[in-house]
Amino acid sequence: MTAPRASESVPRTSENAAGAAQVAAPTCRLPAIVDAMPTKMASTIFCRRDGELVGVPYPDCHRDATIVAAALLARGVRPGDRVAIHGGSSYEWVLADLACLITGAVSVALYPNAPPERVVGTARESRCQLV
């Protein structure tokens, strides 16, 4: 299963309960920025791995995020679903967040230093489909 382009997953218009068209909110440019990542050969995301600063080129990051997005879709995640991301700041966290954007899901940050009852409560209250 292939992930859609991030800019394709953002609804542009909506209807109210009566079926009348509503004016859409301004479009978020972030999906278009993510879609352009493969063309940004000179841009790099820096992260720490095993204590060392490592650079990951945007095209590689986009490729990795697309793989994670395909895995989310295979697990049944659809646009508008909430996906909890539990963990500290890391390259993997960035991939999970970008994968949510690519699939149209909403990422919910769960902080690793929060008490377990708060983490579980936040995931429940947010109605996360996947952690």
C-alpha atoms as a PDB file:
ATOM      1  CA  MET A   1       0.000   0.000   0.000  1.00  0.00           C
ATOM      2  CA  THR A   2       1.453   3.369  -0.953  1.00  0.00           C
ATOM      3  CA  ALA A   3       0.978   6.511   1.055  1.00  0.00           C
ATOM      4  CA  PRO A   4      -0.719   9.507  -0.569  1.00  0.00           C
ATOM      5  CA  ARG A   5       1.146  12.747  -1.054  1.00  0.00           C
ATOM      6  CA  ALA A   6       0.720  14.880   2.064  1.00  0.00           C
ATOM      7  CA  SER A   7      -0.853  17.731   0.097  1.00  0.00           C
ATOM      8  CA  GLU A   8      -3.533  15.349  -1.213  1.00  0.00           C
ATOM      9  CA  SER A   9      -4.718  14.408   2.262  1.00  0.00           C
ATOM     10  CA  VAL A  10      -5.787  17.892   3.394  1.00  0.00           C
ATOM     11  CA  PRO A  11      -9.489  18.593   2.747  1.00  0.00           C
ATOM     12  CA  ARG A  12     -10.069  21.836   0.886  1.00  0.00           C
ATOM     13  CA  THR A  13     -13.838  22.182   1.332  1.00  0.00           C
ATOM     14  CA  SER A  14     -16.496  20.816   3.652  1.00  0.00           C
ATOM     15  CA  GLU A  15     -20.244  20.631   4.031  1.00  0.00           C
ATOM     16  CA  ASN A  16     -22.347  21.339   7.088  1.00  0.00           C
ATOM     17  CA  ALA A  17     -25.055  18.980   8.408  1.00  0.00           C
ATOM     18  CA  ALA A  18     -27.574  20.405   5.936  1.00  0.00           C
ATOM     19  CA  GLY A  19     -25.255  19.702   3.001  1.00  0.00           C
ATOM     20  CA  ALA A  20     -24.477  23.365   2.331  1.00  0.00           C
ATOM     21  CA  ALA A  21     -20.927  24.176   1.317  1.00  0.00           C
ATOM     22  CA  GLN A  22     -18.836  25.939   3.933  1.00  0.00           C
ATOM     23  CA  VAL A  23     -15.862  28.194   3.401  1.00  0.00           C
ATOM     24  CA  ALA A  24     -12.687  26.248   4.087  1.00  0.00           C
ATOM     25  CA  ALA A  25     -10.076  27.523   6.499  1.00  0.00           C
ATOM     26  CA  PRO A  26      -6.817  28.704   4.965  1.00  0.00           C
ATOM     27  CA  THR A  27      -4.877  25.762   3.595  1.00  0.00           C
ATOM     28  CA  CYS A  28      -1.923  24.582   5.621  1.00  0.00           C
ATOM     29  CA  ARG A  29       1.281  24.762   3.573  1.00  0.00           C
ATOM     30  CA  LEU A  30       3.051  22.082   5.598  1.00  0.00           C
ATOM     31  CA  PRO A  31       1.830  19.194   3.375  1.00  0.00           C
ATOM     32  CA  ALA A  32       3.257  20.938   0.314  1.00  0.00           C
ATOM     33  CA  ILE A  33       6.549  21.439   2.130  1.00  0.00           C
ATOM     34  CA  VAL A  34       6.684  17.727   2.998  1.00  0.00           C
ATOM     35  CA  ASP A  35       5.826  16.781  -0.597  1.00  0.00           C
ATOM     36  CA  ALA A  36       8.752  18.939  -1.790  1.00  0.00           C
ATOM     37  CA  MET A  37      11.284  17.268   0.529  1.00  0.00           C
ATOM     38  CA  PRO A  38      12.572  14.810  -2.127  1.00  0.00           C
ATOM     39  CA  THR A  39      13.653  17.751  -4.299  1.00  0.00           C
ATOM     40  CA  LYS A  40      15.608  19.489  -1.523  1.00  0.00           C
ATOM     41  CA  MET A  41      18.896  17.669  -2.060  1.00  0.00           C
ATOM     42  CA  ALA A  42      20.967  20.239  -0.144  1.00  0.00           C
ATOM     43  CA  SER A  43      18.684  20.312   2.935  1.00  0.00           C
ATOM     44  CA  THR A  44      19.429  18.119   5.933  1.00  0.00           C
ATOM     45  CA  ILE A  45      17.745  17.179   9.211  1.00  0.00           C
ATOM     46  CA  PHE A  46      20.215  16.817  12.064  1.00  0.00           C
ATOM     47  CA  CYS A  47      19.669  14.436  14.963  1.00  0.00           C
ATOM     48  CA  ARG A  48      21.671  12.614  17.600  1.00  0.00           C
ATOM     49  CA  ARG A  49      22.298   8.889  17.240  1.00  0.00           C
ATOM     50  CA  ASP A  50      24.373   7.129  19.881  1.00  0.00           C
ATOM     51  CA  GLY A  51      25.477  10.547  21.110  1.00  0.00           C
ATOM     52  CA  GLU A  52      26.779  11.708  17.722  1.00  0.00           C
ATOM     53  CA  LEU A  53      25.242  14.415  15.564  1.00  0.00           C
ATOM     54  CA  VAL A  54      24.142  12.827  12.293  1.00  0.00           C
ATOM     55  CA  GLY A  55      22.719  14.528   9.195  1.00  0.00           C
ATOM     56  CA  VAL A  56      19.902  12.944   7.205  1.00  0.00           C
ATOM     57  CA  PRO A  57      19.223  14.491   3.776  1.00  0.00           C
ATOM     58  CA  TYR A  58      15.613  15.586   3.207  1.00  0.00           C
ATOM     59  CA  PRO A  59      15.057  13.035   0.405  1.00  0.00           C
ATOM     60  CA  ASP A  60      16.124  10.197   2.738  1.00  0.00           C
ATOM     61  CA  CYS A  61      13.938  11.537   5.540  1.00  0.00           C
ATOM     62  CA  HIS A  62      10.970  11.763   3.174  1.00  0.00           C
ATOM     63  CA  ARG A  63      11.594   8.201   1.961  1.00  0.00           C
ATOM     64  CA  ASP A  64      11.738   6.932   5.553  1.00  0.00           C
ATOM     65  CA  ALA A  65       8.587   8.859   6.531  1.00  0.00           C
ATOM     66  CA  THR A  66       6.748   7.444   3.503  1.00  0.00           C
ATOM     67  CA  ILE A  67       7.656   3.914   4.639  1.00  0.00           C
ATOM     68  CA  VAL A  68       6.239   4.675   8.096  1.00  0.00           C
ATOM     69  CA  ALA A  69       3.134   6.230   6.472  1.00  0.00           C
ATOM     70  CA  ALA A  70       2.560   3.052   4.452  1.00  0.00           C
ATOM     71  CA  ALA A  71       2.808   1.044   7.690  1.00  0.00           C
ATOM     72  CA  LEU A  72       0.215   3.320   9.331  1.00  0.00           C
ATOM     73  CA  LEU A  73      -2.122   2.834   6.371  1.00  0.00           C
ATOM     74  CA  ALA A  74      -1.604  -0.936   6.565  1.00  0.00           C
ATOM     75  CA  ARG A  75      -2.637  -0.754  10.248  1.00  0.00           C
ATOM     76  CA  GLY A  76      -5.903   0.933   9.207  1.00  0.00           C
ATOM     77  CA  VAL A  77      -5.021   4.573   9.925  1.00  0.00           C
ATOM     78  CA  ARG A  78      -7.054   6.943   7.759  1.00  0.00           C
ATOM     79  CA  PRO A  79      -7.220  10.735   7.324  1.00  0.00           C
ATOM     80  CA  GLY A  80      -8.533  12.375  10.472  1.00  0.00           C
ATOM     81  CA  ASP A  81      -7.579   9.462  12.747  1.00  0.00           C
ATOM     82  CA  ARG A  82      -5.512  10.348  15.790  1.00  0.00           C
ATOM     83  CA  VAL A  83      -2.168   8.607  16.249  1.00  0.00           C
ATOM     84  CA  ALA A  84      -0.272   8.891  19.528  1.00  0.00           C
ATOM     85  CA  ILE A  85       3.495   9.290  19.342  1.00  0.00           C
ATOM     86  CA  HIS A  86       5.144   8.336  22.631  1.00  0.00           C
ATOM     87  CA  GLY A  87       8.818   9.076  22.964  1.00  0.00           C
ATOM     88  CA  GLY A  88      11.496  11.677  23.302  1.00  0.00           C
ATOM     89  CA  SER A  89      12.782  13.971  20.602  1.00  0.00           C
ATOM     90  CA  SER A  90      14.447  11.814  17.967  1.00  0.00           C
ATOM     91  CA  TYR A  91      14.653  11.139  14.250  1.00  0.00           C
ATOM     92  CA  GLU A  92      12.104   8.351  14.729  1.00  0.00           C
ATOM     93  CA  TRP A  93       9.702  10.819  16.370  1.00  0.00           C
ATOM     94  CA  VAL A  94      10.084  13.153  13.375  1.00  0.00           C
ATOM     95  CA  LEU A  95       9.360  10.224  11.026  1.00  0.00           C
ATOM     96  CA  ALA A  96       6.226   9.279  12.953  1.00  0.00           C
ATOM     97  CA  ASP A  97       4.991  12.882  12.917  1.00  0.00           C
ATOM     98  CA  LEU A  98       5.700  13.282   9.178  1.00  0.00           C
ATOM     99  CA  ALA A  99       4.005   9.931   8.495  1.00  0.00           C
ATOM    100  CA  CYS A 100       0.880  11.215  10.238  1.00  0.00           C
ATOM    101  CA  LEU A 101       0.958  14.311   8.064  1.00  0.00           C
ATOM    102  CA  ILE A 102       1.425  12.232   4.909  1.00  0.00           C
ATOM    103  CA  THR A 103      -1.543   9.974   5.753  1.00  0.00           C
ATOM    104  CA  GLY A 104      -3.728  12.858   6.905  1.00  0.00           C
ATOM    105  CA  ALA A 105      -3.799  11.560  10.475  1.00  0.00           C
ATOM    106  CA  VAL A 106      -3.483  13.851  13.484  1.00  0.00           C
ATOM    107  CA  SER A 107      -0.425  13.256  15.663  1.00  0.00           C
ATOM    108  CA  VAL A 108      -0.853  13.385  19.435  1.00  0.00           C
ATOM    109  CA  ALA A 109       2.377  13.877  21.378  1.00  0.00           C
ATOM    110  CA  LEU A 110       2.733  11.746  24.498  1.00  0.00           C
ATOM    111  CA  TYR A 111       5.699  12.836  26.570  1.00  0.00           C
ATOM    112  CA  PRO A 112       8.017  10.086  27.809  1.00  0.00           C
ATOM    113  CA  ASN A 113       8.563  11.749  31.199  1.00  0.00           C
ATOM    114  CA  ALA A 114       4.831  12.067  31.922  1.00  0.00           C
ATOM    115  CA  PRO A 115       3.341   9.705  34.512  1.00  0.00           C
ATOM    116  CA  PRO A 116       1.861   6.557  32.902  1.00  0.00           C
ATOM    117  CA  GLU A 117      -1.679   7.464  33.984  1.00  0.00           C
ATOM    118  CA  ARG A 118      -1.370  10.818  32.189  1.00  0.00           C
ATOM    119  CA  VAL A 119      -0.031   9.163  29.037  1.00  0.00           C
ATOM    120  CA  VAL A 120      -2.898   6.645  28.992  1.00  0.00           C
ATOM    121  CA  GLY A 121      -5.434   9.350  29.851  1.00  0.00           C
ATOM    122  CA  THR A 122      -4.234  11.633  27.056  1.00  0.00           C
ATOM    123  CA  ALA A 123      -4.368   8.804  24.513  1.00  0.00           C
ATOM    124  CA  ARG A 124      -7.911   7.890  25.627  1.00  0.00           C
ATOM    125  CA  GLU A 125      -9.197  11.470  25.749  1.00  0.00           C
ATOM    126  CA  SER A 126      -7.736  12.138  22.309  1.00  0.00           C
ATOM    127  CA  ARG A 127      -9.398   8.970  21.003  1.00  0.00           C
ATOM    128  CA  CYS A 128      -6.171   7.740  19.451  1.00  0.00           C
ATOM    129  CA  GLN A 129      -6.603   4.846  17.037  1.00  0.00           C
ATOM    130  CA  LEU A 130      -2.947   3.844  17.337  1.00  0.00           C
ATOM    131  CA  VAL A 131      -0.057   4.435  19.733  1.00  0.00           C
END
